[in-house]
Amino acid sequence: MHRVEVKIETQGGFRATEVIADLRNVAEILFNPLRLVGFWDDQAGGLHLCPQEQMGRECLHKLPQRDPRHVDYATTADDQLRAILEVNFPHAGLLVYLR
């Protein structure tokens, strides 16, 4: 999977959006025709689209890193969601996965 980091730096009293929907739109516009297949929001405690939870299984992404069952969300996005691009918005603590 390819990775891109989008840094938004501002001066003065302005602050860039941290809203997932806004940043999803930014990623999809920048990398058209790719579309969102997943996301990981660090600021919301690891909120994400989890294929395991959607199938009624235990989420392995939020397990402690030292747990042998832990799986990085990027691995799931690549393998199961077939993401081809990870867009990192570090100012918002958000990773958006596109296919």
PDB file of N, CA and C in Angstrom:
ATOM      1  N   MET A   1       0.861  -1.174   0.000  1.00  0.00           N
ATOM      2  CA  MET A   1       0.000   0.000   0.000  1.00  0.00           C
ATOM      3  C   MET A   1       0.907   1.237   0.000  1.00  0.00           C
ATOM      4  N   HIS A   2       0.495   2.249  -0.738  1.00  0.00           N
ATOM      5  CA  HIS A   2       1.208   3.525  -0.786  1.00  0.00           C
ATOM      6  C   HIS A   2       0.738   4.406   0.367  1.00  0.00           C
ATOM      7  N   ARG A   3       1.611   5.326   0.775  1.00  0.00           N
ATOM      8  CA  ARG A   3       1.282   6.225   1.889  1.00  0.00           C
ATOM      9  C   ARG A   3       1.581   7.663   1.508  1.00  0.00           C
ATOM     10  N   VAL A   4       0.673   8.556   1.917  1.00  0.00           N
ATOM     11  CA  VAL A   4       0.812   9.987   1.680  1.00  0.00           C
ATOM     12  C   VAL A   4       0.500  10.701   2.985  1.00  0.00           C
ATOM     13  N   GLU A   5       1.259  11.763   3.278  1.00  0.00           N
ATOM     14  CA  GLU A   5       0.990  12.573   4.467  1.00  0.00           C
ATOM     15  C   GLU A   5       0.588  13.970   4.004  1.00  0.00           C
ATOM     16  N   VAL A   6      -0.547  14.435   4.479  1.00  0.00           N
ATOM     17  CA  VAL A   6      -1.050  15.767   4.138  1.00  0.00           C
ATOM     18  C   VAL A   6      -0.898  16.650   5.371  1.00  0.00           C
ATOM     19  N   LYS A   7       0.085  17.541   5.313  1.00  0.00           N
ATOM     20  CA  LYS A   7       0.339  18.447   6.441  1.00  0.00           C
ATOM     21  C   LYS A   7      -0.349  19.773   6.162  1.00  0.00           C
ATOM     22  N   ILE A   8      -1.125  20.216   7.125  1.00  0.00           N
ATOM     23  CA  ILE A   8      -1.818  21.496   7.005  1.00  0.00           C
ATOM     24  C   ILE A   8      -1.278  22.408   8.090  1.00  0.00           C
ATOM     25  N   GLU A   9      -0.557  23.424   7.673  1.00  0.00           N
ATOM     26  CA  GLU A   9       0.010  24.379   8.615  1.00  0.00           C
ATOM     27  C   GLU A   9      -0.693  25.709   8.430  1.00  0.00           C
ATOM     28  N   THR A  10      -1.045  26.344   9.534  1.00  0.00           N
ATOM     29  CA  THR A  10      -1.754  27.618   9.464  1.00  0.00           C
ATOM     30  C   THR A  10      -1.016  28.661  10.293  1.00  0.00           C
ATOM     31  N   GLN A  11      -1.316  29.901   9.989  1.00  0.00           N
ATOM     32  CA  GLN A  11      -0.778  31.015  10.757  1.00  0.00           C
ATOM     33  C   GLN A  11      -1.947  31.843  11.255  1.00  0.00           C
ATOM     34  N   GLY A  12      -1.754  32.477  12.384  1.00  0.00           N
ATOM     35  CA  GLY A  12      -2.833  33.293  12.926  1.00  0.00           C
ATOM     36  C   GLY A  12      -3.842  32.454  13.684  1.00  0.00           C
ATOM     37  N   GLY A  13      -5.071  32.915  13.685  1.00  0.00           N
ATOM     38  CA  GLY A  13      -6.120  32.272  14.472  1.00  0.00           C
ATOM     39  C   GLY A  13      -6.877  31.189  13.748  1.00  0.00           C
ATOM     40  N   PHE A  14      -6.400  30.744  12.599  1.00  0.00           N
ATOM     41  CA  PHE A  14      -7.137  29.747  11.837  1.00  0.00           C
ATOM     42  C   PHE A  14      -6.677  28.343  12.189  1.00  0.00           C
ATOM     43  N   ARG A  15      -7.628  27.407  12.127  1.00  0.00           N
ATOM     44  CA  ARG A  15      -7.339  26.015  12.421  1.00  0.00           C
ATOM     45  C   ARG A  15      -8.022  25.148  11.367  1.00  0.00           C
ATOM     46  N   ALA A  16      -7.290  24.182  10.853  1.00  0.00           N
ATOM     47  CA  ALA A  16      -7.844  23.293   9.835  1.00  0.00           C
ATOM     48  C   ALA A  16      -8.865  22.342  10.454  1.00  0.00           C
ATOM     49  N   THR A  17      -9.812  21.925   9.677  1.00  0.00           N
ATOM     50  CA  THR A  17     -10.837  20.998  10.152  1.00  0.00           C
ATOM     51  C   THR A  17     -10.225  19.675  10.587  1.00  0.00           C
ATOM     52  N   GLU A  18     -10.845  19.065  11.572  1.00  0.00           N
ATOM     53  CA  GLU A  18     -10.467  17.738  12.034  1.00  0.00           C
ATOM     54  C   GLU A  18     -11.649  16.776  11.914  1.00  0.00           C
ATOM     55  N   VAL A  19     -12.690  17.206  11.232  1.00  0.00           N
ATOM     56  CA  VAL A  19     -13.906  16.412  11.055  1.00  0.00           C
ATOM     57  C   VAL A  19     -13.641  15.314  10.015  1.00  0.00           C
ATOM     58  N   ILE A  20     -13.949  14.083  10.385  1.00  0.00           N
ATOM     59  CA  ILE A  20     -13.678  12.944   9.504  1.00  0.00           C
ATOM     60  C   ILE A  20     -14.319  13.131   8.130  1.00  0.00           C
ATOM     61  N   ALA A  21     -15.556  13.548   8.086  1.00  0.00           N
ATOM     62  CA  ALA A  21     -16.253  13.700   6.805  1.00  0.00           C
ATOM     63  C   ALA A  21     -15.553  14.727   5.912  1.00  0.00           C
ATOM     64  N   ASP A  22     -15.092  15.820   6.506  1.00  0.00           N
ATOM     65  CA  ASP A  22     -14.387  16.841   5.724  1.00  0.00           C
ATOM     66  C   ASP A  22     -13.088  16.281   5.152  1.00  0.00           C
ATOM     67  N   LEU A  23     -12.329  15.581   5.986  1.00  0.00           N
ATOM     68  CA  LEU A  23     -11.037  15.060   5.541  1.00  0.00           C
ATOM     69  C   LEU A  23     -11.205  13.891   4.577  1.00  0.00           C
ATOM     70  N   ARG A  24     -12.288  13.163   4.729  1.00  0.00           N
ATOM     71  CA  ARG A  24     -12.593  12.122   3.727  1.00  0.00           C
ATOM     72  C   ARG A  24     -12.794  12.782   2.360  1.00  0.00           C
ATOM     73  N   ASN A  25     -13.584  13.861   2.334  1.00  0.00           N
ATOM     74  CA  ASN A  25     -13.814  14.574   1.084  1.00  0.00           C
ATOM     75  C   ASN A  25     -12.517  15.102   0.501  1.00  0.00           C
ATOM     76  N   VAL A  26     -11.652  15.652   1.354  1.00  0.00           N
ATOM     77  CA  VAL A  26     -10.353  16.160   0.883  1.00  0.00           C
ATOM     78  C   VAL A  26      -9.555  15.039   0.235  1.00  0.00           C
ATOM     79  N   ALA A  27      -9.451  13.896   0.913  1.00  0.00           N
ATOM     80  CA  ALA A  27      -8.689  12.765   0.382  1.00  0.00           C
ATOM     81  C   ALA A  27      -9.271  12.277  -0.944  1.00  0.00           C
ATOM     82  N   GLU A  28     -10.592  12.162  -1.008  1.00  0.00           N
ATOM     83  CA  GLU A  28     -11.225  11.678  -2.242  1.00  0.00           C
ATOM     84  C   GLU A  28     -11.076  12.669  -3.386  1.00  0.00           C
ATOM     85  N   ILE A  29     -11.089  13.957  -3.083  1.00  0.00           N
ATOM     86  CA  ILE A  29     -10.896  14.968  -4.131  1.00  0.00           C
ATOM     87  C   ILE A  29      -9.450  14.966  -4.612  1.00  0.00           C
ATOM     88  N   LEU A  30      -8.511  14.904  -3.663  1.00  0.00           N
ATOM     89  CA  LEU A  30      -7.098  14.905  -4.038  1.00  0.00           C
ATOM     90  C   LEU A  30      -6.712  13.681  -4.857  1.00  0.00           C
ATOM     91  N   PHE A  31      -7.308  12.541  -4.548  1.00  0.00           N
ATOM     92  CA  PHE A  31      -6.899  11.296  -5.178  1.00  0.00           C
ATOM     93  C   PHE A  31      -8.038  10.634  -5.950  1.00  0.00           C
ATOM     94  N   ASN A  32      -8.867  11.454  -6.585  1.00  0.00           N
ATOM     95  CA  ASN A  32      -9.953  11.004  -7.437  1.00  0.00           C
ATOM     96  C   ASN A  32      -9.365  10.100  -8.516  1.00  0.00           C
ATOM     97  N   PRO A  33      -9.946   8.965  -8.804  1.00  0.00           N
ATOM     98  CA  PRO A  33     -11.266   8.437  -8.487  1.00  0.00           C
ATOM     99  C   PRO A  33     -11.291   7.496  -7.278  1.00  0.00           C
ATOM    100  N   LEU A  34     -10.243   7.479  -6.460  1.00  0.00           N
ATOM    101  CA  LEU A  34     -10.235   6.588  -5.297  1.00  0.00           C
ATOM    102  C   LEU A  34     -11.319   6.980  -4.298  1.00  0.00           C
ATOM    103  N   ARG A  35     -11.826   5.981  -3.568  1.00  0.00           N
ATOM    104  CA  ARG A  35     -12.889   6.205  -2.586  1.00  0.00           C
ATOM    105  C   ARG A  35     -12.508   5.572  -1.252  1.00  0.00           C
ATOM    106  N   LEU A  36     -13.080   6.088  -0.173  1.00  0.00           N
ATOM    107  CA  LEU A  36     -12.815   5.610   1.171  1.00  0.00           C
ATOM    108  C   LEU A  36     -13.264   4.166   1.348  1.00  0.00           C
ATOM    109  N   VAL A  37     -12.382   3.372   1.965  1.00  0.00           N
ATOM    110  CA  VAL A  37     -12.756   2.010   2.356  1.00  0.00           C
ATOM    111  C   VAL A  37     -12.564   1.806   3.853  1.00  0.00           C
ATOM    112  N   GLY A  38     -11.848   2.733   4.506  1.00  0.00           N
ATOM    113  CA  GLY A  38     -11.642   2.630   5.943  1.00  0.00           C
ATOM    114  C   GLY A  38     -10.962   3.862   6.495  1.00  0.00           C
ATOM    115  N   PHE A  39     -10.960   3.978   7.833  1.00  0.00           N
ATOM    116  CA  PHE A  39     -10.269   5.093   8.485  1.00  0.00           C
ATOM    117  C   PHE A  39      -9.894   4.680   9.894  1.00  0.00           C
ATOM    118  N   TRP A  40      -8.911   5.372  10.460  1.00  0.00           N
ATOM    119  CA  TRP A  40      -8.497   5.188  11.852  1.00  0.00           C
ATOM    120  C   TRP A  40      -8.372   6.562  12.466  1.00  0.00           C
ATOM    121  N   ASP A  41      -9.140   6.843  13.517  1.00  0.00           N
ATOM    122  CA  ASP A  41      -9.149   8.152  14.177  1.00  0.00           C
ATOM    123  C   ASP A  41      -8.531   8.032  15.566  1.00  0.00           C
ATOM    124  N   ASP A  42      -7.275   8.476  15.689  1.00  0.00           N
ATOM    125  CA  ASP A  42      -6.580   8.421  16.979  1.00  0.00           C
ATOM    126  C   ASP A  42      -7.226   9.319  18.019  1.00  0.00           C
ATOM    127  N   GLN A  43      -7.712  10.488  17.611  1.00  0.00           N
ATOM    128  CA  GLN A  43      -8.286  11.437  18.564  1.00  0.00           C
ATOM    129  C   GLN A  43      -9.574  10.907  19.188  1.00  0.00           C
ATOM    130  N   ALA A  44     -10.227  10.000  18.511  1.00  0.00           N
ATOM    131  CA  ALA A  44     -11.466   9.419  19.040  1.00  0.00           C
ATOM    132  C   ALA A  44     -11.196   8.051  19.674  1.00  0.00           C
ATOM    133  N   GLY A  45      -9.959   7.842  20.108  1.00  0.00           N
ATOM    134  CA  GLY A  45      -9.629   6.593  20.793  1.00  0.00           C
ATOM    135  C   GLY A  45      -9.551   5.374  19.895  1.00  0.00           C
ATOM    136  N   GLY A  46      -9.199   5.581  18.639  1.00  0.00           N
ATOM    137  CA  GLY A  46      -9.080   4.456  17.724  1.00  0.00           C
ATOM    138  C   GLY A  46     -10.383   4.092  17.030  1.00  0.00           C
ATOM    139  N   LEU A  47     -11.279   5.066  16.903  1.00  0.00           N
ATOM    140  CA  LEU A  47     -12.523   4.834  16.147  1.00  0.00           C
ATOM    141  C   LEU A  47     -12.148   4.422  14.728  1.00  0.00           C
ATOM    142  N   HIS A  48     -12.804   3.388  14.222  1.00  0.00           N
ATOM    143  CA  HIS A  48     -12.489   2.902  12.873  1.00  0.00           C
ATOM    144  C   HIS A  48     -13.622   2.045  12.325  1.00  0.00           C
ATOM    145  N   LEU A  49     -13.555   1.802  11.021  1.00  0.00           N
ATOM    146  CA  LEU A  49     -14.483   0.868  10.378  1.00  0.00           C
ATOM    147  C   LEU A  49     -13.856  -0.516  10.483  1.00  0.00           C
ATOM    148  N   CYS A  50     -14.453  -1.385  11.275  1.00  0.00           N
ATOM    149  CA  CYS A  50     -13.847  -2.681  11.567  1.00  0.00           C
ATOM    150  C   CYS A  50     -14.611  -3.806  10.880  1.00  0.00           C
ATOM    151  N   PRO A  51     -13.997  -4.470   9.899  1.00  0.00           N
ATOM    152  CA  PRO A  51     -14.692  -5.571   9.239  1.00  0.00           C
ATOM    153  C   PRO A  51     -14.985  -6.742  10.184  1.00  0.00           C
ATOM    154  N   GLN A  52     -14.110  -6.948  11.187  1.00  0.00           N
ATOM    155  CA  GLN A  52     -14.362  -8.035  12.136  1.00  0.00           C
ATOM    156  C   GLN A  52     -15.613  -7.750  12.962  1.00  0.00           C
ATOM    157  N   GLU A  53     -15.746  -6.514  13.468  1.00  0.00           N
ATOM    158  CA  GLU A  53     -16.930  -6.159  14.251  1.00  0.00           C
ATOM    159  C   GLU A  53     -18.190  -6.214  13.402  1.00  0.00           C
ATOM    160  N   GLN A  54     -18.088  -5.843  12.137  1.00  0.00           N
ATOM    161  CA  GLN A  54     -19.256  -5.895  11.252  1.00  0.00           C
ATOM    162  C   GLN A  54     -19.743  -7.323  11.048  1.00  0.00           C
ATOM    163  N   MET A  55     -18.827  -8.289  11.203  1.00  0.00           N
ATOM    164  CA  MET A  55     -19.205  -9.701  11.075  1.00  0.00           C
ATOM    165  C   MET A  55     -19.510 -10.334  12.427  1.00  0.00           C
ATOM    166  N   GLY A  56     -19.562  -9.502  13.499  1.00  0.00           N
ATOM    167  CA  GLY A  56     -19.883  -9.996  14.821  1.00  0.00           C
ATOM    168  C   GLY A  56     -18.710 -10.636  15.541  1.00  0.00           C
ATOM    169  N   ARG A  57     -17.503 -10.399  15.080  1.00  0.00           N
ATOM    170  CA  ARG A  57     -16.305 -10.966  15.706  1.00  0.00           C
ATOM    171  C   ARG A  57     -15.625  -9.930  16.587  1.00  0.00           C
ATOM    172  N   GLU A  58     -14.652 -10.381  17.359  1.00  0.00           N
ATOM    173  CA  GLU A  58     -13.877  -9.490  18.212  1.00  0.00           C
ATOM    174  C   GLU A  58     -12.952  -8.611  17.366  1.00  0.00           C
ATOM    175  N   CYS A  59     -12.863  -7.339  17.731  1.00  0.00           N
ATOM    176  CA  CYS A  59     -11.955  -6.406  17.058  1.00  0.00           C
ATOM    177  C   CYS A  59     -10.544  -6.646  17.575  1.00  0.00           C
ATOM    178  N   LEU A  60      -9.628  -6.981  16.684  1.00  0.00           N
ATOM    179  CA  LEU A  60      -8.247  -7.257  17.054  1.00  0.00           C
ATOM    180  C   LEU A  60      -7.365  -6.015  16.977  1.00  0.00           C
ATOM    181  N   HIS A  61      -7.906  -4.920  16.471  1.00  0.00           N
ATOM    182  CA  HIS A  61      -7.117  -3.695  16.275  1.00  0.00           C
ATOM    183  C   HIS A  61      -6.866  -2.936  17.568  1.00  0.00           C
ATOM    184  N   LYS A  62      -7.790  -3.036  18.506  1.00  0.00           N
ATOM    185  CA  LYS A  62      -7.666  -2.272  19.750  1.00  0.00           C
ATOM    186  C   LYS A  62      -7.004  -3.067  20.875  1.00  0.00           C
ATOM    187  N   LEU A  63      -6.622  -4.286  20.598  1.00  0.00           N
ATOM    188  CA  LEU A  63      -5.902  -5.072  21.596  1.00  0.00           C
ATOM    189  C   LEU A  63      -4.534  -4.433  21.835  1.00  0.00           C
ATOM    190  N   PRO A  64      -3.952  -4.608  23.014  1.00  0.00           N
ATOM    191  CA  PRO A  64      -2.615  -4.061  23.255  1.00  0.00           C
ATOM    192  C   PRO A  64      -1.605  -4.587  22.230  1.00  0.00           C
ATOM    193  N   GLN A  65      -0.650  -3.750  21.868  1.00  0.00           N
ATOM    194  CA  GLN A  65       0.352  -4.132  20.859  1.00  0.00           C
ATOM    195  C   GLN A  65       1.083  -5.417  21.239  1.00  0.00           C
ATOM    196  N   ARG A  66       1.275  -5.646  22.536  1.00  0.00           N
ATOM    197  CA  ARG A  66       2.017  -6.832  22.996  1.00  0.00           C
ATOM    198  C   ARG A  66       1.180  -8.109  22.906  1.00  0.00           C
ATOM    199  N   ASP A  67      -0.131  -7.987  22.722  1.00  0.00           N
ATOM    200  CA  ASP A  67      -1.000  -9.159  22.599  1.00  0.00           C
ATOM    201  C   ASP A  67      -0.714  -9.832  21.250  1.00  0.00           C
ATOM    202  N   PRO A  68      -0.435 -11.129  21.241  1.00  0.00           N
ATOM    203  CA  PRO A  68      -0.112 -11.812  19.974  1.00  0.00           C
ATOM    204  C   PRO A  68      -1.261 -11.806  18.968  1.00  0.00           C
ATOM    205  N   ARG A  69      -2.474 -11.544  19.424  1.00  0.00           N
ATOM    206  CA  ARG A  69      -3.618 -11.485  18.495  1.00  0.00           C
ATOM    207  C   ARG A  69      -3.798 -10.112  17.862  1.00  0.00           C
ATOM    208  N   HIS A  70      -3.065  -9.096  18.369  1.00  0.00           N
ATOM    209  CA  HIS A  70      -3.196  -7.731  17.854  1.00  0.00           C
ATOM    210  C   HIS A  70      -2.871  -7.685  16.357  1.00  0.00           C
ATOM    211  N   VAL A  71      -3.684  -6.943  15.622  1.00  0.00           N
ATOM    212  CA  VAL A  71      -3.458  -6.720  14.193  1.00  0.00           C
ATOM    213  C   VAL A  71      -3.530  -5.225  13.948  1.00  0.00           C
ATOM    214  N   ASP A  72      -2.522  -4.674  13.276  1.00  0.00           N
ATOM    215  CA  ASP A  72      -2.558  -3.252  12.916  1.00  0.00           C
ATOM    216  C   ASP A  72      -3.680  -3.026  11.915  1.00  0.00           C
ATOM    217  N   TYR A  73      -4.366  -1.896  12.078  1.00  0.00           N
ATOM    218  CA  TYR A  73      -5.479  -1.602  11.176  1.00  0.00           C
ATOM    219  C   TYR A  73      -4.992  -1.449   9.736  1.00  0.00           C
ATOM    220  N   ALA A  74      -3.783  -0.924   9.560  1.00  0.00           N
ATOM    221  CA  ALA A  74      -3.234  -0.770   8.202  1.00  0.00           C
ATOM    222  C   ALA A  74      -3.136  -2.117   7.498  1.00  0.00           C
ATOM    223  N   THR A  75      -2.807  -3.162   8.247  1.00  0.00           N
ATOM    224  CA  THR A  75      -2.730  -4.509   7.669  1.00  0.00           C
ATOM    225  C   THR A  75      -4.108  -4.972   7.212  1.00  0.00           C
ATOM    226  N   THR A  76      -5.114  -4.734   8.046  1.00  0.00           N
ATOM    227  CA  THR A  76      -6.488  -5.098   7.678  1.00  0.00           C
ATOM    228  C   THR A  76      -6.956  -4.288   6.474  1.00  0.00           C
ATOM    229  N   ALA A  77      -6.654  -2.993   6.477  1.00  0.00           N
ATOM    230  CA  ALA A  77      -7.060  -2.136   5.356  1.00  0.00           C
ATOM    231  C   ALA A  77      -6.446  -2.640   4.052  1.00  0.00           C
ATOM    232  N   ASP A  78      -5.196  -3.068   4.124  1.00  0.00           N
ATOM    233  CA  ASP A  78      -4.499  -3.567   2.937  1.00  0.00           C
ATOM    234  C   ASP A  78      -5.043  -4.928   2.513  1.00  0.00           C
ATOM    235  N   ASP A  79      -5.125  -5.863   3.452  1.00  0.00           N
ATOM    236  CA  ASP A  79      -5.485  -7.247   3.121  1.00  0.00           C
ATOM    237  C   ASP A  79      -6.971  -7.461   2.878  1.00  0.00           C
ATOM    238  N   GLN A  80      -7.818  -6.956   3.784  1.00  0.00           N
ATOM    239  CA  GLN A  80      -9.247  -7.244   3.691  1.00  0.00           C
ATOM    240  C   GLN A  80     -10.037  -6.175   2.951  1.00  0.00           C
ATOM    241  N   LEU A  81      -9.666  -4.914   3.145  1.00  0.00           N
ATOM    242  CA  LEU A  81     -10.415  -3.825   2.505  1.00  0.00           C
ATOM    243  C   LEU A  81      -9.815  -3.451   1.149  1.00  0.00           C
ATOM    244  N   ARG A  82      -8.684  -4.045   0.834  1.00  0.00           N
ATOM    245  CA  ARG A  82      -7.969  -3.835  -0.433  1.00  0.00           C
ATOM    246  C   ARG A  82      -7.623  -2.370  -0.689  1.00  0.00           C
ATOM    247  N   ALA A  83      -7.283  -1.651   0.380  1.00  0.00           N
ATOM    248  CA  ALA A  83      -6.874  -0.255   0.242  1.00  0.00           C
ATOM    249  C   ALA A  83      -5.564  -0.195  -0.542  1.00  0.00           C
ATOM    250  N   ILE A  84      -5.436   0.830  -1.356  1.00  0.00           N
ATOM    251  CA  ILE A  84      -4.193   1.003  -2.104  1.00  0.00           C
ATOM    252  C   ILE A  84      -3.451   2.265  -1.683  1.00  0.00           C
ATOM    253  N   LEU A  85      -4.116   3.122  -0.890  1.00  0.00           N
ATOM    254  CA  LEU A  85      -3.495   4.371  -0.459  1.00  0.00           C
ATOM    255  C   LEU A  85      -3.914   4.716   0.964  1.00  0.00           C
ATOM    256  N   GLU A  86      -2.933   5.016   1.816  1.00  0.00           N
ATOM    257  CA  GLU A  86      -3.178   5.510   3.166  1.00  0.00           C
ATOM    258  C   GLU A  86      -2.866   7.002   3.156  1.00  0.00           C
ATOM    259  N   VAL A  87      -3.855   7.825   3.503  1.00  0.00           N
ATOM    260  CA  VAL A  87      -3.675   9.273   3.568  1.00  0.00           C
ATOM    261  C   VAL A  87      -3.666   9.665   5.036  1.00  0.00           C
ATOM    262  N   ASN A  88      -2.546  10.217   5.489  1.00  0.00           N
ATOM    263  CA  ASN A  88      -2.360  10.596   6.879  1.00  0.00           C
ATOM    264  C   ASN A  88      -2.575  12.094   7.032  1.00  0.00           C
ATOM    265  N   PHE A  89      -3.485  12.466   7.914  1.00  0.00           N
ATOM    266  CA  PHE A  89      -3.701  13.859   8.291  1.00  0.00           C
ATOM    267  C   PHE A  89      -3.203  14.013   9.723  1.00  0.00           C
ATOM    268  N   PRO A  90      -1.900  14.272   9.931  1.00  0.00           N
ATOM    269  CA  PRO A  90      -1.347  14.274  11.290  1.00  0.00           C
ATOM    270  C   PRO A  90      -1.939  15.340  12.203  1.00  0.00           C
ATOM    271  N   HIS A  91      -2.392  16.469  11.658  1.00  0.00           N
ATOM    272  CA  HIS A  91      -2.975  17.513  12.509  1.00  0.00           C
ATOM    273  C   HIS A  91      -4.260  17.038  13.174  1.00  0.00           C
ATOM    274  N   ALA A  92      -4.924  16.050  12.549  1.00  0.00           N
ATOM    275  CA  ALA A  92      -6.194  15.543  13.067  1.00  0.00           C
ATOM    276  C   ALA A  92      -6.062  14.145  13.673  1.00  0.00           C
ATOM    277  N   GLY A  93      -4.867  13.561  13.598  1.00  0.00           N
ATOM    278  CA  GLY A  93      -4.702  12.193  14.102  1.00  0.00           C
ATOM    279  C   GLY A  93      -5.546  11.208  13.338  1.00  0.00           C
ATOM    280  N   LEU A  94      -5.680  11.420  12.019  1.00  0.00           N
ATOM    281  CA  LEU A  94      -6.590  10.622  11.204  1.00  0.00           C
ATOM    282  C   LEU A  94      -5.855   9.982  10.041  1.00  0.00           C
ATOM    283  N   LEU A  95      -6.117   8.698   9.842  1.00  0.00           N
ATOM    284  CA  LEU A  95      -5.643   7.964   8.679  1.00  0.00           C
ATOM    285  C   LEU A  95      -6.871   7.589   7.857  1.00  0.00           C
ATOM    286  N   VAL A  96      -6.840   7.888   6.568  1.00  0.00           N
ATOM    287  CA  VAL A  96      -7.936   7.551   5.658  1.00  0.00           C
ATOM    288  C   VAL A  96      -7.388   6.558   4.643  1.00  0.00           C
ATOM    289  N   TYR A  97      -8.116   5.480   4.430  1.00  0.00           N
ATOM    290  CA  TYR A  97      -7.697   4.442   3.494  1.00  0.00           C
ATOM    291  C   TYR A  97      -8.594   4.471   2.264  1.00  0.00           C
ATOM    292  N   LEU A  98      -7.971   4.494   1.095  1.00  0.00           N
ATOM    293  CA  LEU A  98      -8.707   4.622  -0.165  1.00  0.00           C
ATOM    294  C   LEU A  98      -8.428   3.429  -1.082  1.00  0.00           C
ATOM    295  N   ARG A  99      -9.412   3.138  -1.906  1.00  0.00           N
ATOM    296  CA  ARG A  99      -9.261   2.125  -2.961  1.00  0.00           C
ATOM    297  C   ARG A  99      -9.885   2.685  -4.213  1.00  0.00           C
TER     298      ARG A  99
END
